[in-house]
Amino acid sequence: MDRNNEKEDHVTSADPVPPTTPEQALDIVRDRFAEPKLPDGTPAELRVEEFDIGYLVYAVFPPVTDAAGRPQPAPPGGSKIVVSKETGETVTVPNYPTEAAIALYRRQRG
């Protein structure tokens, strides 16, 4: 790929530049991880939460309901991805609420 024609804000694993925008963090995640899908096979929406030392990237899934339309608990499992602002490194964290996932990432970094 000719680097002169490369989009300036696009980051790939071949070009491990730390992200400076949420869009760059999203590009890193899309480049390194499989795209999450909804039950009908369409791509799930990805959201990015910026915080002081990184970006938390996660998929948004519609609420689960039973046949009568009553809300059901979300299926267990899943993960969110943190992209480091310092290095561009990606780390998975459990599918906790946003603040809890960020707090866990901070604790793991020591």
Protein backbone atom coordinates (compact mmCIF):
# COMPACT_ATOMS: atom_id res chain seq x y z
CA MET A 1 0.00 0.00 0.00
CA ASP A 2 1.33 3.44 -0.90
CA ARG A 3 1.56 5.33 2.40
CA ASN A 4 1.15 8.65 0.55
CA ASN A 5 -2.37 7.62 -0.49
CA GLU A 6 -3.34 6.11 2.89
CA LYS A 7 -6.04 7.90 4.85
CA GLU A 8 -4.29 9.84 7.59
CA ASP A 9 -6.81 8.87 10.29
CA HIS A 10 -6.96 5.13 9.50
CA VAL A 11 -4.89 2.83 11.72
CA THR A 12 -4.19 -0.83 10.96
CA SER A 13 -2.27 -3.54 12.77
CA ALA A 14 0.49 -3.12 10.15
CA ASP A 15 0.77 0.50 11.28
CA PRO A 16 0.52 0.35 15.09
CA VAL A 17 0.12 4.05 15.76
CA PRO A 18 -1.70 4.86 19.01
CA PRO A 19 -5.17 6.27 18.36
CA THR A 20 -5.94 9.92 18.99
CA THR A 21 -9.66 9.80 18.14
CA PRO A 22 -12.55 7.42 18.83
CA GLU A 23 -12.76 6.74 15.08
CA GLN A 24 -9.14 5.55 15.02
CA ALA A 25 -9.79 3.28 18.01
CA LEU A 26 -12.78 1.82 16.17
CA ASP A 27 -10.62 1.23 13.08
CA ILE A 28 -8.10 -0.68 15.22
CA VAL A 29 -10.82 -2.89 16.69
CA ARG A 30 -12.39 -3.56 13.29
CA ASP A 31 -8.97 -4.50 11.91
CA ARG A 32 -8.07 -6.89 14.75
CA PHE A 33 -11.38 -8.50 15.77
CA ALA A 34 -14.32 -10.24 14.11
CA GLU A 35 -17.39 -8.10 13.56
CA PRO A 36 -20.16 -8.93 16.05
CA LYS A 37 -23.46 -9.92 14.48
CA LEU A 38 -27.09 -9.63 15.53
CA PRO A 39 -29.25 -12.79 15.56
CA ASP A 40 -30.44 -12.00 12.01
CA GLY A 41 -26.82 -11.83 10.77
CA THR A 42 -26.59 -8.06 10.34
CA PRO A 43 -23.63 -6.27 11.92
CA ALA A 44 -24.13 -5.02 15.48
CA GLU A 45 -23.62 -1.34 16.21
CA LEU A 46 -20.24 -0.57 17.79
CA ARG A 47 -19.92 2.24 20.32
CA VAL A 48 -16.81 3.91 21.68
CA GLU A 49 -16.43 5.47 25.13
CA GLU A 50 -13.32 7.62 25.47
CA PHE A 51 -11.59 7.89 28.85
CA ASP A 52 -8.29 9.34 30.02
CA ILE A 53 -6.02 6.41 29.06
CA GLY A 54 -7.99 4.61 26.38
CA TYR A 55 -11.11 3.89 24.39
CA LEU A 56 -13.68 1.26 25.39
CA VAL A 57 -15.28 -0.32 22.31
CA TYR A 58 -18.35 -2.53 22.58
CA ALA A 59 -21.23 -3.93 20.56
CA VAL A 60 -24.82 -2.90 21.22
CA PHE A 61 -27.44 -5.63 21.06
CA PRO A 62 -31.22 -5.18 21.23
CA PRO A 63 -32.95 -6.17 24.46
CA VAL A 64 -33.99 -9.82 24.69
CA THR A 65 -37.71 -10.53 25.21
CA ASP A 66 -39.76 -13.69 25.63
CA ALA A 67 -42.70 -14.67 23.38
CA ALA A 68 -45.02 -12.39 25.39
CA GLY A 69 -42.64 -9.44 24.93
CA ARG A 70 -41.39 -9.40 28.54
CA PRO A 71 -37.75 -8.34 29.00
CA GLN A 72 -35.31 -11.16 29.67
CA PRO A 73 -31.78 -11.03 31.06
CA ALA A 74 -29.03 -10.66 28.50
CA PRO A 75 -27.20 -13.89 27.65
CA PRO A 76 -24.05 -14.38 29.75
CA GLY A 77 -20.60 -13.81 28.38
CA GLY A 78 -19.19 -11.47 25.84
CA SER A 79 -16.48 -8.88 26.18
CA LYS A 80 -15.56 -5.30 25.52
CA ILE A 81 -12.28 -4.09 24.06
CA VAL A 82 -10.01 -1.36 25.38
CA VAL A 83 -7.60 0.37 23.00
CA SER A 84 -4.70 2.07 24.79
CA LYS A 85 -4.14 5.72 23.91
CA GLU A 86 -0.46 5.29 24.72
CA THR A 87 0.38 2.23 22.61
CA GLY A 88 -2.61 1.21 20.49
CA GLU A 89 -2.59 -2.16 22.28
CA THR A 90 -5.96 -3.89 22.53
CA VAL A 91 -7.11 -5.71 25.66
CA THR A 92 -10.40 -7.53 26.20
CA VAL A 93 -12.34 -7.01 29.41
CA PRO A 94 -15.55 -8.72 30.56
CA ASN A 95 -18.87 -7.38 29.34
CA TYR A 96 -19.34 -5.28 32.49
CA PRO A 97 -21.13 -1.94 32.57
CA THR A 98 -18.95 0.79 31.06
CA GLU A 99 -17.54 2.29 34.28
CA ALA A 100 -16.84 -1.14 35.79
CA ALA A 101 -15.04 -2.29 32.61
CA ILE A 102 -12.88 0.85 32.63
CA ALA A 103 -12.12 0.43 36.35
CA LEU A 104 -11.06 -3.19 35.75
CA TYR A 105 -8.77 -2.13 32.91
CA ARG A 106 -7.14 0.46 35.19
CA ARG A 107 -6.62 -2.17 37.91
CA GLN A 108 -5.11 -4.64 35.43
CA ARG A 109 -2.65 -2.01 34.21
CA GLY A 110 -1.36 -1.71 37.77
